[in-house]
Amino acid sequence: NGQDKKDELIQTAESVTEKVIGSVYEKKGEMKQKAQAQTEDIVQLVTGQQEKLAKSAENKSEECTESIKDKAG
């Protein structure tokens, strides 16, 4: 009868809604993971650049020290 059809439609709608919600949460999780991975990549890049700059600065200061020693020597 009509009530059975109505109940069936409600159940179908509920299961579709659950699937959609589940899918949205999965996507959210994937997006979070991607964002975290990208953040980690950026942090590593920045850290790498800082290390390069620090080494470069050390080398330059050593060169300056050597140069001063030579001139003073």
PDB file of N, CA and C in Angstrom:
ATOM      1  N   ASN A   1       0.831  -1.219   0.000  1.00  0.00           N
ATOM      2  CA  ASN A   1       0.000   0.000   0.000  1.00  0.00           C
ATOM      3  C   ASN A   1       0.858   1.260   0.000  1.00  0.00           C
ATOM      4  N   GLY A   2       0.224   2.403   0.073  1.00  0.00           N
ATOM      5  CA  GLY A   2       0.917   3.690  -0.011  1.00  0.00           C
ATOM      6  C   GLY A   2       1.923   3.913   1.100  1.00  0.00           C
ATOM      7  N   GLN A   3       1.622   3.448   2.309  1.00  0.00           N
ATOM      8  CA  GLN A   3       2.514   3.652   3.455  1.00  0.00           C
ATOM      9  C   GLN A   3       3.844   2.917   3.252  1.00  0.00           C
ATOM     10  N   ASP A   4       3.774   1.695   2.709  1.00  0.00           N
ATOM     11  CA  ASP A   4       4.985   0.918   2.443  1.00  0.00           C
ATOM     12  C   ASP A   4       5.885   1.652   1.451  1.00  0.00           C
ATOM     13  N   LYS A   5       5.283   2.186   0.403  1.00  0.00           N
ATOM     14  CA  LYS A   5       6.035   2.943  -0.610  1.00  0.00           C
ATOM     15  C   LYS A   5       6.728   4.137   0.050  1.00  0.00           C
ATOM     16  N   LYS A   6       5.973   4.824   0.912  1.00  0.00           N
ATOM     17  CA  LYS A   6       6.489   6.006   1.599  1.00  0.00           C
ATOM     18  C   LYS A   6       7.688   5.616   2.475  1.00  0.00           C
ATOM     19  N   ASP A   7       7.532   4.534   3.250  1.00  0.00           N
ATOM     20  CA  ASP A   7       8.619   4.063   4.115  1.00  0.00           C
ATOM     21  C   ASP A   7       9.850   3.682   3.290  1.00  0.00           C
ATOM     22  N   GLU A   8       9.600   3.028   2.154  1.00  0.00           N
ATOM     23  CA  GLU A   8      10.689   2.606   1.276  1.00  0.00           C
ATOM     24  C   GLU A   8      11.448   3.828   0.745  1.00  0.00           C
ATOM     25  N   LEU A   9      10.710   4.848   0.345  1.00  0.00           N
ATOM     26  CA  LEU A   9      11.328   6.080  -0.158  1.00  0.00           C
ATOM     27  C   LEU A   9      12.132   6.763   0.933  1.00  0.00           C
ATOM     28  N   ILE A  10      11.579   6.789   2.138  1.00  0.00           N
ATOM     29  CA  ILE A  10      12.287   7.413   3.264  1.00  0.00           C
ATOM     30  C   ILE A  10      13.588   6.665   3.532  1.00  0.00           C
ATOM     31  N   GLN A  11      13.535   5.326   3.539  1.00  0.00           N
ATOM     32  CA  GLN A  11      14.740   4.520   3.768  1.00  0.00           C
ATOM     33  C   GLN A  11      15.775   4.765   2.677  1.00  0.00           C
ATOM     34  N   THR A  12      15.322   4.816   1.436  1.00  0.00           N
ATOM     35  CA  THR A  12      16.228   5.075   0.313  1.00  0.00           C
ATOM     36  C   THR A  12      16.883   6.441   0.478  1.00  0.00           C
ATOM     37  N   ALA A  13      16.083   7.436   0.797  1.00  0.00           N
ATOM     38  CA  ALA A  13      16.601   8.793   0.989  1.00  0.00           C
ATOM     39  C   ALA A  13      17.613   8.819   2.125  1.00  0.00           C
ATOM     40  N   GLU A  14      17.307   8.118   3.217  1.00  0.00           N
ATOM     41  CA  GLU A  14      18.225   8.088   4.360  1.00  0.00           C
ATOM     42  C   GLU A  14      19.548   7.430   3.993  1.00  0.00           C
ATOM     43  N   SER A  15      19.488   6.324   3.250  1.00  0.00           N
ATOM     44  CA  SER A  15      20.735   5.634   2.899  1.00  0.00           C
ATOM     45  C   SER A  15      21.559   6.471   1.918  1.00  0.00           C
ATOM     46  N   VAL A  16      20.880   7.154   1.003  1.00  0.00           N
ATOM     47  CA  VAL A  16      21.595   8.037   0.070  1.00  0.00           C
ATOM     48  C   VAL A  16      22.268   9.166   0.848  1.00  0.00           C
ATOM     49  N   THR A  17      21.528   9.750   1.787  1.00  0.00           N
ATOM     50  CA  THR A  17      22.070  10.834   2.617  1.00  0.00           C
ATOM     51  C   THR A  17      23.298  10.352   3.382  1.00  0.00           C
ATOM     52  N   GLU A  18      23.213   9.158   3.970  1.00  0.00           N
ATOM     53  CA  GLU A  18      24.352   8.602   4.712  1.00  0.00           C
ATOM     54  C   GLU A  18      25.562   8.425   3.806  1.00  0.00           C
ATOM     55  N   LYS A  19      25.321   7.932   2.585  1.00  0.00           N
ATOM     56  CA  LYS A  19      26.425   7.735   1.637  1.00  0.00           C
ATOM     57  C   LYS A  19      27.071   9.070   1.283  1.00  0.00           C
ATOM     58  N   VAL A  20      26.226  10.072   1.049  1.00  0.00           N
ATOM     59  CA  VAL A  20      26.742  11.399   0.690  1.00  0.00           C
ATOM     60  C   VAL A  20      27.563  11.958   1.845  1.00  0.00           C
ATOM     61  N   ILE A  21      27.017  11.870   3.061  1.00  0.00           N
ATOM     62  CA  ILE A  21      27.729  12.376   4.241  1.00  0.00           C
ATOM     63  C   ILE A  21      29.055  11.632   4.410  1.00  0.00           C
ATOM     64  N   GLY A  22      29.012  10.300   4.260  1.00  0.00           N
ATOM     65  CA  GLY A  22      30.236   9.499   4.360  1.00  0.00           C
ATOM     66  C   GLY A  22      31.268   9.938   3.343  1.00  0.00           C
ATOM     67  N   SER A  23      30.811  10.169   2.126  1.00  0.00           N
ATOM     68  CA  SER A  23      31.692  10.593   1.046  1.00  0.00           C
ATOM     69  C   SER A  23      32.313  11.953   1.351  1.00  0.00           C
ATOM     70  N   VAL A  24      31.498  12.853   1.888  1.00  0.00           N
ATOM     71  CA  VAL A  24      31.993  14.192   2.233  1.00  0.00           C
ATOM     72  C   VAL A  24      33.068  14.087   3.312  1.00  0.00           C
ATOM     73  N   TYR A  25      32.816  13.264   4.344  1.00  0.00           N
ATOM     74  CA  TYR A  25      33.815  13.099   5.407  1.00  0.00           C
ATOM     75  C   TYR A  25      35.107  12.493   4.871  1.00  0.00           C
ATOM     76  N   GLU A  26      34.984  11.506   3.959  1.00  0.00           N
ATOM     77  CA  GLU A  26      36.178  10.908   3.358  1.00  0.00           C
ATOM     78  C   GLU A  26      36.978  11.964   2.616  1.00  0.00           C
ATOM     79  N   LYS A  27      36.284  12.763   1.809  1.00  0.00           N
ATOM     80  CA  LYS A  27      36.949  13.828   1.046  1.00  0.00           C
ATOM     81  C   LYS A  27      37.644  14.797   1.997  1.00  0.00           C
ATOM     82  N   LYS A  28      36.933  15.142   3.088  1.00  0.00           N
ATOM     83  CA  LYS A  28      37.512  16.048   4.080  1.00  0.00           C
ATOM     84  C   LYS A  28      38.802  15.467   4.636  1.00  0.00           C
ATOM     85  N   GLY A  29      38.774  14.172   4.948  1.00  0.00           N
ATOM     86  CA  GLY A  29      39.962  13.486   5.464  1.00  0.00           C
ATOM     87  C   GLY A  29      41.104  13.523   4.465  1.00  0.00           C
ATOM     88  N   GLU A  30      40.776  13.253   3.188  1.00  0.00           N
ATOM     89  CA  GLU A  30      41.794  13.287   2.132  1.00  0.00           C
ATOM     90  C   GLU A  30      42.380  14.686   2.005  1.00  0.00           C
ATOM     91  N   MET A  31      41.499  15.694   2.045  1.00  0.00           N
ATOM     92  CA  MET A  31      41.952  17.080   1.909  1.00  0.00           C
ATOM     93  C   MET A  31      42.874  17.437   3.071  1.00  0.00           C
ATOM     94  N   LYS A  32      42.487  17.001   4.280  1.00  0.00           N
ATOM     95  CA  LYS A  32      43.315  17.272   5.461  1.00  0.00           C
ATOM     96  C   LYS A  32      44.687  16.652   5.291  1.00  0.00           C
ATOM     97  N   GLN A  33      44.715  15.385   4.842  1.00  0.00           N
ATOM     98  CA  GLN A  33      45.990  14.696   4.653  1.00  0.00           C
ATOM     99  C   GLN A  33      46.839  15.405   3.607  1.00  0.00           C
ATOM    100  N   LYS A  34      46.201  15.812   2.502  1.00  0.00           N
ATOM    101  CA  LYS A  34      46.932  16.520   1.447  1.00  0.00           C
ATOM    102  C   LYS A  34      47.489  17.831   1.986  1.00  0.00           C
ATOM    103  N   ALA A  35      46.668  18.551   2.729  1.00  0.00           N
ATOM    104  CA  ALA A  35      47.101  19.834   3.287  1.00  0.00           C
ATOM    105  C   ALA A  35      48.268  19.630   4.244  1.00  0.00           C
ATOM    106  N   GLN A  36      48.188  18.596   5.079  1.00  0.00           N
ATOM    107  CA  GLN A  36      49.273  18.318   6.016  1.00  0.00           C
ATOM    108  C   GLN A  36      50.549  17.960   5.272  1.00  0.00           C
ATOM    109  N   ALA A  37      50.421  17.148   4.231  1.00  0.00           N
ATOM    110  CA  ALA A  37      51.589  16.748   3.446  1.00  0.00           C
ATOM    111  C   ALA A  37      52.227  17.969   2.788  1.00  0.00           C
ATOM    112  N   GLN A  38      51.391  18.854   2.231  1.00  0.00           N
ATOM    113  CA  GLN A  38      51.916  20.058   1.588  1.00  0.00           C
ATOM    114  C   GLN A  38      52.597  20.951   2.613  1.00  0.00           C
ATOM    115  N   THR A  39      52.002  21.068   3.802  1.00  0.00           N
ATOM    116  CA  THR A  39      52.601  21.880   4.861  1.00  0.00           C
ATOM    117  C   THR A  39      53.966  21.323   5.229  1.00  0.00           C
ATOM    118  N   GLU A  40      54.050  19.993   5.367  1.00  0.00           N
ATOM    119  CA  GLU A  40      55.330  19.362   5.700  1.00  0.00           C
ATOM    120  C   GLU A  40      56.363  19.632   4.613  1.00  0.00           C
ATOM    121  N   ASP A  41      55.949  19.541   3.341  1.00  0.00           N
ATOM    122  CA  ASP A  41      56.863  19.823   2.229  1.00  0.00           C
ATOM    123  C   ASP A  41      57.396  21.243   2.326  1.00  0.00           C
ATOM    124  N   ILE A  42      56.485  22.182   2.600  1.00  0.00           N
ATOM    125  CA  ILE A  42      56.868  23.597   2.687  1.00  0.00           C
ATOM    126  C   ILE A  42      57.839  23.805   3.842  1.00  0.00           C
ATOM    127  N   VAL A  43      57.523  23.203   4.992  1.00  0.00           N
ATOM    128  CA  VAL A  43      58.402  23.332   6.162  1.00  0.00           C
ATOM    129  C   VAL A  43      59.790  22.791   5.835  1.00  0.00           C
ATOM    130  N   GLN A  44      59.842  21.632   5.158  1.00  0.00           N
ATOM    131  CA  GLN A  44      61.134  21.049   4.795  1.00  0.00           C
ATOM    132  C   GLN A  44      61.892  21.952   3.833  1.00  0.00           C
ATOM    133  N   LEU A  45      61.173  22.527   2.881  1.00  0.00           N
ATOM    134  CA  LEU A  45      61.804  23.444   1.928  1.00  0.00           C
ATOM    135  C   LEU A  45      62.404  24.638   2.648  1.00  0.00           C
ATOM    136  N   VAL A  46      61.593  25.234   3.521  1.00  0.00           N
ATOM    137  CA  VAL A  46      62.040  26.427   4.253  1.00  0.00           C
ATOM    138  C   VAL A  46      63.232  26.082   5.130  1.00  0.00           C
ATOM    139  N   THR A  47      63.139  24.949   5.837  1.00  0.00           N
ATOM    140  CA  THR A  47      64.229  24.514   6.708  1.00  0.00           C
ATOM    141  C   THR A  47      65.494  24.296   5.887  1.00  0.00           C
ATOM    142  N   GLY A  48      65.336  23.651   4.736  1.00  0.00           N
ATOM    143  CA  GLY A  48      66.472  23.414   3.850  1.00  0.00           C
ATOM    144  C   GLY A  48      67.111  24.718   3.404  1.00  0.00           C
ATOM    145  N   GLN A  49      66.289  25.696   3.049  1.00  0.00           N
ATOM    146  CA  GLN A  49      66.795  27.005   2.621  1.00  0.00           C
ATOM    147  C   GLN A  49      67.551  27.682   3.766  1.00  0.00           C
ATOM    148  N   GLN A  50      66.974  27.588   4.977  1.00  0.00           N
ATOM    149  CA  GLN A  50      67.624  28.213   6.134  1.00  0.00           C
ATOM    150  C   GLN A  50      68.992  27.587   6.380  1.00  0.00           C
ATOM    151  N   GLU A  51      69.055  26.252   6.263  1.00  0.00           N
ATOM    152  CA  GLU A  51      70.332  25.565   6.467  1.00  0.00           C
ATOM    153  C   GLU A  51      71.350  26.008   5.420  1.00  0.00           C
ATOM    154  N   LYS A  52      70.896  26.122   4.161  1.00  0.00           N
ATOM    155  CA  LYS A  52      71.793  26.564   3.085  1.00  0.00           C
ATOM    156  C   LYS A  52      72.306  27.973   3.375  1.00  0.00           C
ATOM    157  N   LEU A  53      71.385  28.847   3.803  1.00  0.00           N
ATOM    158  CA  LEU A  53      71.775  30.229   4.095  1.00  0.00           C
ATOM    159  C   LEU A  53      72.757  30.279   5.257  1.00  0.00           C
ATOM    160  N   ALA A  54      72.497  29.475   6.283  1.00  0.00           N
ATOM    161  CA  ALA A  54      73.384  29.451   7.446  1.00  0.00           C
ATOM    162  C   ALA A  54      74.779  28.990   7.032  1.00  0.00           C
ATOM    163  N   LYS A  55      74.849  27.925   6.215  1.00  0.00           N
ATOM    164  CA  LYS A  55      76.145  27.419   5.749  1.00  0.00           C
ATOM    165  C   LYS A  55      76.851  28.472   4.911  1.00  0.00           C
ATOM    166  N   SER A  56      76.087  29.106   4.037  1.00  0.00           N
ATOM    167  CA  SER A  56      76.647  30.136   3.175  1.00  0.00           C
ATOM    168  C   SER A  56      77.208  31.280   4.019  1.00  0.00           C
ATOM    169  N   ALA A  57      76.461  31.669   5.043  1.00  0.00           N
ATOM    170  CA  ALA A  57      76.908  32.754   5.924  1.00  0.00           C
ATOM    171  C   ALA A  57      78.175  32.343   6.664  1.00  0.00           C
ATOM    172  N   GLU A  58      78.224  31.093   7.120  1.00  0.00           N
ATOM    173  CA  GLU A  58      79.424  30.593   7.809  1.00  0.00           C
ATOM    174  C   GLU A  58      80.625  30.654   6.877  1.00  0.00           C
ATOM    175  N   ASN A  59      80.436  30.182   5.651  1.00  0.00           N
ATOM    176  CA  ASN A  59      81.528  30.189   4.675  1.00  0.00           C
ATOM    177  C   ASN A  59      82.011  31.609   4.415  1.00  0.00           C
ATOM    178  N   LYS A  60      81.057  32.524   4.254  1.00  0.00           N
ATOM    179  CA  LYS A  60      81.411  33.920   3.984  1.00  0.00           C
ATOM    180  C   LYS A  60      82.198  34.503   5.158  1.00  0.00           C
ATOM    181  N   SER A  61      81.745  34.212   6.382  1.00  0.00           N
ATOM    182  CA  SER A  61      82.442  34.784   7.535  1.00  0.00           C
ATOM    183  C   SER A  61      83.842  34.185   7.654  1.00  0.00           C
ATOM    184  N   GLU A  62      83.988  32.893   7.295  1.00  0.00           N
ATOM    185  CA  GLU A  62      85.321  32.278   7.300  1.00  0.00           C
ATOM    186  C   GLU A  62      86.208  32.939   6.249  1.00  0.00           C
ATOM    187  N   GLU A  63      85.624  33.188   5.064  1.00  0.00           N
ATOM    188  CA  GLU A  63      86.382  33.853   3.998  1.00  0.00           C
ATOM    189  C   GLU A  63      86.841  35.234   4.463  1.00  0.00           C
ATOM    190  N   CYS A  64      85.938  35.957   5.119  1.00  0.00           N
ATOM    191  CA  CYS A  64      86.276  37.297   5.617  1.00  0.00           C
ATOM    192  C   CYS A  64      87.390  37.212   6.649  1.00  0.00           C
ATOM    193  N   THR A  65      87.266  36.239   7.556  1.00  0.00           N
ATOM    194  CA  THR A  65      88.280  36.058   8.598  1.00  0.00           C
ATOM    195  C   THR A  65      89.631  35.765   7.959  1.00  0.00           C
ATOM    196  N   GLU A  66      89.657  34.849   6.982  1.00  0.00           N
ATOM    197  CA  GLU A  66      90.899  34.509   6.281  1.00  0.00           C
ATOM    198  C   GLU A  66      91.475  35.748   5.596  1.00  0.00           C
ATOM    199  N   SER A  67      90.594  36.484   4.934  1.00  0.00           N
ATOM    200  CA  SER A  67      91.014  37.680   4.213  1.00  0.00           C
ATOM    201  C   SER A  67      91.623  38.697   5.177  1.00  0.00           C
ATOM    202  N   ILE A  68      90.985  38.881   6.327  1.00  0.00           N
ATOM    203  CA  ILE A  68      91.490  39.833   7.329  1.00  0.00           C
ATOM    204  C   ILE A  68      92.847  39.358   7.854  1.00  0.00           C
ATOM    205  N   LYS A  69      92.951  38.041   8.110  1.00  0.00           N
ATOM    206  CA  LYS A  69      94.216  37.475   8.601  1.00  0.00           C
ATOM    207  C   LYS A  69      95.326  37.718   7.581  1.00  0.00           C
ATOM    208  N   ASP A  70      95.007  37.482   6.294  1.00  0.00           N
ATOM    209  CA  ASP A  70      95.999  37.684   5.235  1.00  0.00           C
ATOM    210  C   ASP A  70      96.463  39.136   5.209  1.00  0.00           C
ATOM    211  N   LYS A  71      95.494  40.045   5.292  1.00  0.00           N
ATOM    212  CA  LYS A  71      95.825  41.469   5.227  1.00  0.00           C
ATOM    213  C   LYS A  71      96.600  41.891   6.469  1.00  0.00           C
ATOM    214  N   ALA A  72      96.248  41.326   7.604  1.00  0.00           N
ATOM    215  CA  ALA A  72      96.905  41.683   8.857  1.00  0.00           C
ATOM    216  C   ALA A  72      98.274  41.015   8.933  1.00  0.00           C
ATOM    217  N   GLY A  73      98.367  39.830   8.315  1.00  0.00           N
ATOM    218  CA  GLY A  73      99.568  39.003   8.397  1.00  0.00           C
ATOM    219  C   GLY A  73     100.758  39.687   7.831  1.00  0.00           C
TER     220      GLY A  73
END
